[in-house]
């Protein structure tokens, strides 16, 4: 399976987080079958990995954009100083 196809099947952050929250509620209820518990814990681990990856990717993008904005602002300020 290609990475693009795999990512297309992957839930978004909000969906993964919501599903993870539901799993936690199910586990905390204490009324979950042991076989189902094992499946839920495995799914929760996969969802956590997805959320962490999405958070890391978003952090990288935000840092890049803020660095670009800071550089653009510095250029504007340098240009303003030359025009003064």
PDB file of N, CA and C in Angstrom:
ATOM      1  N   UNK A   1       0.843  -1.175   0.000  1.00  0.00           N
ATOM      2  CA  UNK A   1       0.000   0.000   0.000  1.00  0.00           C
ATOM      3  C   UNK A   1       0.891   1.243   0.000  1.00  0.00           C
ATOM      4  N   UNK A   2       0.575   2.219  -0.837  1.00  0.00           N
ATOM      5  CA  UNK A   2       1.384   3.434  -0.907  1.00  0.00           C
ATOM      6  C   UNK A   2       1.159   4.307   0.314  1.00  0.00           C
ATOM      7  N   UNK A   3       2.117   5.202   0.576  1.00  0.00           N
ATOM      8  CA  UNK A   3       1.995   6.112   1.713  1.00  0.00           C
ATOM      9  C   UNK A   3       0.794   7.028   1.564  1.00  0.00           C
ATOM     10  N   UNK A   4       0.517   7.470   0.315  1.00  0.00           N
ATOM     11  CA  UNK A   4      -0.629   8.359   0.098  1.00  0.00           C
ATOM     12  C   UNK A   4      -1.930   7.642   0.412  1.00  0.00           C
ATOM     13  N   UNK A   5      -2.057   6.388  -0.008  1.00  0.00           N
ATOM     14  CA  UNK A   5      -3.274   5.624   0.261  1.00  0.00           C
ATOM     15  C   UNK A   5      -3.405   5.382   1.762  1.00  0.00           C
ATOM     16  N   UNK A   6      -2.307   5.049   2.415  1.00  0.00           N
ATOM     17  CA  UNK A   6      -2.318   4.800   3.848  1.00  0.00           C
ATOM     18  C   UNK A   6      -2.747   6.055   4.598  1.00  0.00           C
ATOM     19  N   UNK A   7      -2.208   7.208   4.210  1.00  0.00           N
ATOM     20  CA  UNK A   7      -2.550   8.462   4.869  1.00  0.00           C
ATOM     21  C   UNK A   7      -3.997   8.849   4.596  1.00  0.00           C
ATOM     22  N   UNK A   8      -4.519   8.520   3.420  1.00  0.00           N
ATOM     23  CA  UNK A   8      -5.901   8.839   3.093  1.00  0.00           C
ATOM     24  C   UNK A   8      -6.854   8.050   3.986  1.00  0.00           C
ATOM     25  N   UNK A   9      -6.467   6.845   4.380  1.00  0.00           N
ATOM     26  CA  UNK A   9      -7.304   6.018   5.242  1.00  0.00           C
ATOM     27  C   UNK A   9      -7.177   6.414   6.710  1.00  0.00           C
ATOM     28  N   UNK A  10      -6.157   7.199   7.025  1.00  0.00           N
ATOM     29  CA  UNK A  10      -5.859   7.604   8.386  1.00  0.00           C
ATOM     30  C   UNK A  10      -6.852   8.686   8.823  1.00  0.00           C
ATOM     31  N   UNK A  11      -7.361   8.597  10.055  1.00  0.00           N
ATOM     32  CA  UNK A  11      -8.282   9.640  10.510  1.00  0.00           C
ATOM     33  C   UNK A  11      -7.540  10.952  10.739  1.00  0.00           C
ATOM     34  N   UNK A  12      -8.269  12.058  10.663  1.00  0.00           N
ATOM     35  CA  UNK A  12      -7.692  13.351  10.989  1.00  0.00           C
ATOM     36  C   UNK A  12      -7.469  13.438  12.497  1.00  0.00           C
ATOM     37  N   UNK A  13      -6.796  14.510  12.914  1.00  0.00           N
ATOM     38  CA  UNK A  13      -6.473  14.660  14.334  1.00  0.00           C
ATOM     39  C   UNK A  13      -7.738  14.675  15.197  1.00  0.00           C
ATOM     40  N   UNK A  14      -8.732  15.441  14.791  1.00  0.00           N
ATOM     41  CA  UNK A  14      -9.960  15.546  15.594  1.00  0.00           C
ATOM     42  C   UNK A  14     -10.659  14.190  15.706  1.00  0.00           C
ATOM     43  N   UNK A  15     -10.733  13.455  14.599  1.00  0.00           N
ATOM     44  CA  UNK A  15     -11.377  12.139  14.626  1.00  0.00           C
ATOM     45  C   UNK A  15     -10.591  11.159  15.489  1.00  0.00           C
ATOM     46  N   UNK A  16      -9.263  11.166  15.327  1.00  0.00           N
ATOM     47  CA  UNK A  16      -8.420  10.256  16.112  1.00  0.00           C
ATOM     48  C   UNK A  16      -8.519  10.582  17.599  1.00  0.00           C
ATOM     49  N   UNK A  17      -8.491  11.867  17.907  1.00  0.00           N
ATOM     50  CA  UNK A  17      -8.587  12.298  19.298  1.00  0.00           C
ATOM     51  C   UNK A  17      -9.945  11.924  19.900  1.00  0.00           C
ATOM     52  N   UNK A  18     -10.998  12.107  19.128  1.00  0.00           N
ATOM     53  CA  UNK A  18     -12.340  11.751  19.594  1.00  0.00           C
ATOM     54  C   UNK A  18     -12.486  10.252  19.824  1.00  0.00           C
ATOM     55  N   UNK A  19     -11.955   9.467  18.893  1.00  0.00           N
ATOM     56  CA  UNK A  19     -12.016   8.012  19.048  1.00  0.00           C
ATOM     57  C   UNK A  19     -11.198   7.568  20.253  1.00  0.00           C
ATOM     58  N   UNK A  20     -10.064   8.193  20.442  1.00  0.00           N
ATOM     59  CA  UNK A  20      -9.214   7.888  21.590  1.00  0.00           C
ATOM     60  C   UNK A  20      -9.941   8.206  22.899  1.00  0.00           C
ATOM     61  N   UNK A  21     -10.626   9.327  22.927  1.00  0.00           N
ATOM     62  CA  UNK A  21     -11.407   9.726  24.104  1.00  0.00           C
ATOM     63  C   UNK A  21     -12.500   8.693  24.404  1.00  0.00           C
ATOM     64  N   UNK A  22     -13.154   8.198  23.356  1.00  0.00           N
ATOM     65  CA  UNK A  22     -14.204   7.192  23.529  1.00  0.00           C
ATOM     66  C   UNK A  22     -13.619   5.892  24.074  1.00  0.00           C
ATOM     67  N   UNK A  23     -12.474   5.507  23.567  1.00  0.00           N
ATOM     68  CA  UNK A  23     -11.813   4.296  24.058  1.00  0.00           C
ATOM     69  C   UNK A  23     -11.489   4.441  25.537  1.00  0.00           C
ATOM     70  N   UNK A  24     -10.972   5.596  25.920  1.00  0.00           N
ATOM     71  CA  UNK A  24     -10.658   5.824  27.335  1.00  0.00           C
ATOM     72  C   UNK A  24     -11.906   5.734  28.209  1.00  0.00           C
ATOM     73  N   UNK A  25     -12.996   6.295  27.737  1.00  0.00           N
ATOM     74  CA  UNK A  25     -14.258   6.209  28.483  1.00  0.00           C
ATOM     75  C   UNK A  25     -14.706   4.754  28.618  1.00  0.00           C
ATOM     76  N   UNK A  26     -14.588   3.987  27.526  1.00  0.00           N
ATOM     77  CA  UNK A  26     -14.971   2.578  27.560  1.00  0.00           C
ATOM     78  C   UNK A  26     -14.119   1.810  28.572  1.00  0.00           C
ATOM     79  N   UNK A  27     -12.822   2.077  28.576  1.00  0.00           N
ATOM     80  CA  UNK A  27     -11.919   1.380  29.492  1.00  0.00           C
ATOM     81  C   UNK A  27     -12.220   1.778  30.931  1.00  0.00           C
ATOM     82  N   UNK A  28     -12.419   3.078  31.158  1.00  0.00           N
ATOM     83  CA  UNK A  28     -12.681   3.558  32.505  1.00  0.00           C
ATOM     84  C   UNK A  28     -14.004   3.063  33.067  1.00  0.00           C
ATOM     85  N   UNK A  29     -14.926   2.696  32.194  1.00  0.00           N
ATOM     86  CA  UNK A  29     -16.223   2.207  32.666  1.00  0.00           C
ATOM     87  C   UNK A  29     -16.078   0.883  33.418  1.00  0.00           C
ATOM     88  N   UNK A  30     -15.013   0.135  33.116  1.00  0.00           N
ATOM     89  CA  UNK A  30     -14.765  -1.130  33.790  1.00  0.00           C
ATOM     90  C   UNK A  30     -15.667  -2.261  33.327  1.00  0.00           C
ATOM     91  N   UNK A  31     -16.501  -2.021  32.350  1.00  0.00           N
ATOM     92  CA  UNK A  31     -17.445  -3.035  31.875  1.00  0.00           C
ATOM     93  C   UNK A  31     -17.057  -3.588  30.512  1.00  0.00           C
ATOM     94  N   UNK A  32     -15.781  -3.567  30.208  1.00  0.00           N
ATOM     95  CA  UNK A  32     -15.322  -3.996  28.897  1.00  0.00           C
ATOM     96  C   UNK A  32     -14.756  -5.415  28.980  1.00  0.00           C
ATOM     97  N   UNK A  33     -15.086  -6.226  28.004  1.00  0.00           N
ATOM     98  CA  UNK A  33     -14.610  -7.606  27.925  1.00  0.00           C
ATOM     99  C   UNK A  33     -13.098  -7.615  27.718  1.00  0.00           C
ATOM    100  N   UNK A  34     -12.426  -8.591  28.288  1.00  0.00           N
ATOM    101  CA  UNK A  34     -10.965  -8.665  28.211  1.00  0.00           C
ATOM    102  C   UNK A  34     -10.465  -8.744  26.770  1.00  0.00           C
ATOM    103  N   UNK A  35     -11.139  -9.518  25.931  1.00  0.00           N
ATOM    104  CA  UNK A  35     -10.730  -9.619  24.522  1.00  0.00           C
ATOM    105  C   UNK A  35     -10.898  -8.282  23.806  1.00  0.00           C
ATOM    106  N   UNK A  36     -11.956  -7.593  24.109  1.00  0.00           N
ATOM    107  CA  UNK A  36     -12.208  -6.290  23.502  1.00  0.00           C
ATOM    108  C   UNK A  36     -11.214  -5.266  24.042  1.00  0.00           C
ATOM    109  N   UNK A  37     -10.881  -5.396  25.319  1.00  0.00           N
ATOM    110  CA  UNK A  37      -9.919  -4.485  25.936  1.00  0.00           C
ATOM    111  C   UNK A  37      -8.591  -4.522  25.188  1.00  0.00           C
ATOM    112  N   UNK A  38      -8.130  -5.707  24.866  1.00  0.00           N
ATOM    113  CA  UNK A  38      -6.876  -5.860  24.140  1.00  0.00           C
ATOM    114  C   UNK A  38      -6.929  -5.133  22.797  1.00  0.00           C
ATOM    115  N   UNK A  39      -8.032  -5.304  22.075  1.00  0.00           N
ATOM    116  CA  UNK A  39      -8.202  -4.632  20.778  1.00  0.00           C
ATOM    117  C   UNK A  39      -8.235  -3.112  20.948  1.00  0.00           C
ATOM    118  N   UNK A  40      -8.936  -2.665  21.988  1.00  0.00           N
ATOM    119  CA  UNK A  40      -9.060  -1.220  22.231  1.00  0.00           C
ATOM    120  C   UNK A  40      -7.703  -0.600  22.585  1.00  0.00           C
ATOM    121  N   UNK A  41      -6.918  -1.308  23.375  1.00  0.00           N
ATOM    122  CA  UNK A  41      -5.602  -0.790  23.756  1.00  0.00           C
ATOM    123  C   UNK A  41      -4.702  -0.702  22.518  1.00  0.00           C
ATOM    124  N   UNK A  42      -4.762  -1.696  21.655  1.00  0.00           N
ATOM    125  CA  UNK A  42      -3.982  -1.656  20.418  1.00  0.00           C
ATOM    126  C   UNK A  42      -4.420  -0.493  19.535  1.00  0.00           C
ATOM    127  N   UNK A  43      -5.718  -0.299  19.425  1.00  0.00           N
ATOM    128  CA  UNK A  43      -6.247   0.807  18.617  1.00  0.00           C
ATOM    129  C   UNK A  43      -5.837   2.148  19.235  1.00  0.00           C
ATOM    130  N   UNK A  44      -5.899   2.243  20.551  1.00  0.00           N
ATOM    131  CA  UNK A  44      -5.506   3.477  21.233  1.00  0.00           C
ATOM    132  C   UNK A  44      -4.041   3.798  20.956  1.00  0.00           C
ATOM    133  N   UNK A  45      -3.184   2.801  20.970  1.00  0.00           N
ATOM    134  CA  UNK A  45      -1.767   3.011  20.681  1.00  0.00           C
ATOM    135  C   UNK A  45      -1.579   3.536  19.258  1.00  0.00           C
ATOM    136  N   UNK A  46      -2.318   2.980  18.312  1.00  0.00           N
ATOM    137  CA  UNK A  46      -2.232   3.430  16.923  1.00  0.00           C
ATOM    138  C   UNK A  46      -2.732   4.872  16.794  1.00  0.00           C
ATOM    139  N   UNK A  47      -3.820   5.186  17.485  1.00  0.00           N
ATOM    140  CA  UNK A  47      -4.361   6.542  17.440  1.00  0.00           C
ATOM    141  C   UNK A  47      -3.408   7.552  18.066  1.00  0.00           C
ATOM    142  N   UNK A  48      -2.763   7.158  19.147  1.00  0.00           N
ATOM    143  CA  UNK A  48      -1.775   8.036  19.778  1.00  0.00           C
ATOM    144  C   UNK A  48      -0.623   8.335  18.816  1.00  0.00           C
ATOM    145  N   UNK A  49      -0.186   7.320  18.109  1.00  0.00           N
ATOM    146  CA  UNK A  49       0.903   7.511  17.135  1.00  0.00           C
ATOM    147  C   UNK A  49       0.473   8.485  16.045  1.00  0.00           C
ATOM    148  N   UNK A  50      -0.751   8.350  15.571  1.00  0.00           N
ATOM    149  CA  UNK A  50      -1.276   9.257  14.545  1.00  0.00           C
ATOM    150  C   UNK A  50      -1.319  10.686  15.080  1.00  0.00           C
ATOM    151  N   UNK A  51      -1.845  10.851  16.285  1.00  0.00           N
ATOM    152  CA  UNK A  51      -1.948  12.189  16.874  1.00  0.00           C
ATOM    153  C   UNK A  51      -0.572  12.809  17.078  1.00  0.00           C
ATOM    154  N   UNK A  52       0.370  12.039  17.567  1.00  0.00           N
ATOM    155  CA  UNK A  52       1.721  12.565  17.785  1.00  0.00           C
ATOM    156  C   UNK A  52       2.366  12.978  16.471  1.00  0.00           C
ATOM    157  N   UNK A  53       2.170  12.164  15.432  1.00  0.00           N
ATOM    158  CA  UNK A  53       2.742  12.488  14.127  1.00  0.00           C
ATOM    159  C   UNK A  53       2.132  13.776  13.590  1.00  0.00           C
ATOM    160  N   UNK A  54       0.825  13.921  13.720  1.00  0.00           N
ATOM    161  CA  UNK A  54       0.149  15.113  13.214  1.00  0.00           C
ATOM    162  C   UNK A  54       0.566  16.351  14.012  1.00  0.00           C
ATOM    163  N   UNK A  55       0.717  16.202  15.320  1.00  0.00           N
ATOM    164  CA  UNK A  55       1.174  17.321  16.141  1.00  0.00           C
ATOM    165  C   UNK A  55       2.590  17.738  15.767  1.00  0.00           C
ATOM    166  N   UNK A  56       3.460  16.771  15.566  1.00  0.00           N
ATOM    167  CA  UNK A  56       4.847  17.064  15.189  1.00  0.00           C
ATOM    168  C   UNK A  56       4.899  17.756  13.826  1.00  0.00           C
ATOM    169  N   UNK A  57       4.111  17.275  12.880  1.00  0.00           N
ATOM    170  CA  UNK A  57       4.085  17.885  11.547  1.00  0.00           C
ATOM    171  C   UNK A  57       3.561  19.310  11.613  1.00  0.00           C
ATOM    172  N   UNK A  58       2.544  19.517  12.421  1.00  0.00           N
ATOM    173  CA  UNK A  58       1.981  20.858  12.575  1.00  0.00           C
ATOM    174  C   UNK A  58       2.981  21.789  13.239  1.00  0.00           C
ATOM    175  N   UNK A  59       3.679  21.298  14.255  1.00  0.00           N
ATOM    176  CA  UNK A  59       4.691  22.109  14.930  1.00  0.00           C
ATOM    177  C   UNK A  59       5.787  22.538  13.948  1.00  0.00           C
ATOM    178  N   UNK A  60       6.219  21.607  13.112  1.00  0.00           N
ATOM    179  CA  UNK A  60       7.245  21.912  12.111  1.00  0.00           C
ATOM    180  C   UNK A  60       6.759  22.994  11.147  1.00  0.00           C
ATOM    181  N   UNK A  61       5.511  22.860  10.688  1.00  0.00           N
ATOM    182  CA  UNK A  61       4.954  23.843   9.756  1.00  0.00           C
ATOM    183  C   UNK A  61       4.834  25.213  10.420  1.00  0.00           C
ATOM    184  N   UNK A  62       4.370  25.248  11.662  1.00  0.00           N
ATOM    185  CA  UNK A  62       4.211  26.517  12.375  1.00  0.00           C
ATOM    186  C   UNK A  62       5.563  27.197  12.564  1.00  0.00           C
ATOM    187  N   UNK A  63       6.572  26.412  12.940  1.00  0.00           N
ATOM    188  CA  UNK A  63       7.911  26.982  13.108  1.00  0.00           C
ATOM    189  C   UNK A  63       8.433  27.552  11.795  1.00  0.00           C
ATOM    190  N   UNK A  64       8.193  26.846  10.701  1.00  0.00           N
ATOM    191  CA  UNK A  64       8.655  27.316   9.393  1.00  0.00           C
ATOM    192  C   UNK A  64       7.961  28.623   9.027  1.00  0.00           C
ATOM    193  N   UNK A  65       6.657  28.671   9.198  1.00  0.00           N
ATOM    194  CA  UNK A  65       5.897  29.869   8.844  1.00  0.00           C
ATOM    195  C   UNK A  65       6.308  31.053   9.720  1.00  0.00           C
ATOM    196  N   UNK A  66       6.455  30.835  11.023  1.00  0.00           N
ATOM    197  CA  UNK A  66       6.847  31.940  11.903  1.00  0.00           C
ATOM    198  C   UNK A  66       8.258  32.416  11.591  1.00  0.00           C
ATOM    199  N   UNK A  67       9.151  31.507  11.219  1.00  0.00           N
ATOM    200  CA  UNK A  67      10.505  31.909  10.832  1.00  0.00           C
ATOM    201  C   UNK A  67      10.472  32.738   9.555  1.00  0.00           C
ATOM    202  N   UNK A  68       9.636  32.319   8.599  1.00  0.00           N
ATOM    203  CA  UNK A  68       9.506  33.078   7.355  1.00  0.00           C
ATOM    204  C   UNK A  68       8.921  34.462   7.621  1.00  0.00           C
ATOM    205  N   UNK A  69       7.932  34.543   8.497  1.00  0.00           N
ATOM    206  CA  UNK A  69       7.337  35.835   8.845  1.00  0.00           C
ATOM    207  C   UNK A  69       8.351  36.737   9.541  1.00  0.00           C
ATOM    208  N   UNK A  70       9.113  36.162  10.463  1.00  0.00           N
ATOM    209  CA  UNK A  70      10.136  36.942  11.166  1.00  0.00           C
ATOM    210  C   UNK A  70      11.174  37.470  10.177  1.00  0.00           C
ATOM    211  N   UNK A  71      11.590  36.631   9.231  1.00  0.00           N
ATOM    212  CA  UNK A  71      12.574  37.055   8.229  1.00  0.00           C
ATOM    213  C   UNK A  71      11.996  38.165   7.353  1.00  0.00           C
ATOM    214  N   UNK A  72      10.730  38.034   6.971  1.00  0.00           N
ATOM    215  CA  UNK A  72      10.091  39.055   6.140  1.00  0.00           C
ATOM    216  C   UNK A  72       9.977  40.370   6.906  1.00  0.00           C
ATOM    217  N   UNK A  73       9.650  40.291   8.184  1.00  0.00           N
ATOM    218  CA  UNK A  73       9.548  41.503   8.995  1.00  0.00           C
ATOM    219  C   UNK A  73      10.910  42.174   9.145  1.00  0.00           C
ATOM    220  N   UNK A  74      11.963  41.373   9.302  1.00  0.00           N
ATOM    221  CA  UNK A  74      13.317  41.926   9.403  1.00  0.00           C
ATOM    222  C   UNK A  74      13.706  42.624   8.109  1.00  0.00           C
ATOM    223  N   UNK A  75      13.340  42.026   6.979  1.00  0.00           N
ATOM    224  CA  UNK A  75      13.638  42.641   5.685  1.00  0.00           C
ATOM    225  C   UNK A  75      12.887  43.956   5.539  1.00  0.00           C
ATOM    226  N   UNK A  76      11.610  43.967   5.944  1.00  0.00           N
ATOM    227  CA  UNK A  76      10.817  45.193   5.872  1.00  0.00           C
ATOM    228  C   UNK A  76      11.421  46.283   6.744  1.00  0.00           C
ATOM    229  N   UNK A  77      11.840  45.914   7.955  1.00  0.00           N
ATOM    230  CA  UNK A  77      12.441  46.886   8.867  1.00  0.00           C
ATOM    231  C   UNK A  77      13.756  47.404   8.307  1.00  0.00           C
ATOM    232  N   UNK A  78      14.553  46.531   7.715  1.00  0.00           N
ATOM    233  CA  UNK A  78      15.817  46.939   7.115  1.00  0.00           C
ATOM    234  C   UNK A  78      15.552  47.879   5.948  1.00  0.00           C
ATOM    235  N   UNK A  79      14.539  47.602   5.176  1.00  0.00           N
ATOM    236  CA  UNK A  79      14.160  48.466   4.050  1.00  0.00           C
ATOM    237  C   UNK A  79      13.670  49.807   4.534  1.00  0.00           C
ATOM    238  N   UNK A  80      12.915  49.834   5.622  1.00  0.00           N
ATOM    239  CA  UNK A  80      12.412  51.079   6.193  1.00  0.00           C
ATOM    240  C   UNK A  80      13.573  51.933   6.706  1.00  0.00           C
ATOM    241  N   UNK A  81      14.583  51.301   7.310  1.00  0.00           N
ATOM    242  CA  UNK A  81      15.728  52.024   7.833  1.00  0.00           C
ATOM    243  C   UNK A  81      16.511  52.681   6.698  1.00  0.00           C
ATOM    244  N   UNK A  82      16.598  52.018   5.558  1.00  0.00           N
ATOM    245  CA  UNK A  82      17.335  52.569   4.420  1.00  0.00           C
ATOM    246  C   UNK A  82      16.590  53.740   3.788  1.00  0.00           C
ATOM    247  N   UNK A  83      15.267  53.700   3.859  1.00  0.00           N
ATOM    248  CA  UNK A  83      14.451  54.746   3.253  1.00  0.00           C
ATOM    249  C   UNK A  83      14.333  55.972   4.160  1.00  0.00           C
ATOM    250  N   UNK A  84      14.721  55.864   5.402  1.00  0.00           N
ATOM    251  CA  UNK A  84      14.551  56.974   6.346  1.00  0.00           C
ATOM    252  C   UNK A  84      15.588  58.034   6.212  1.00  0.00           C
TER     253      UNK A  84
END
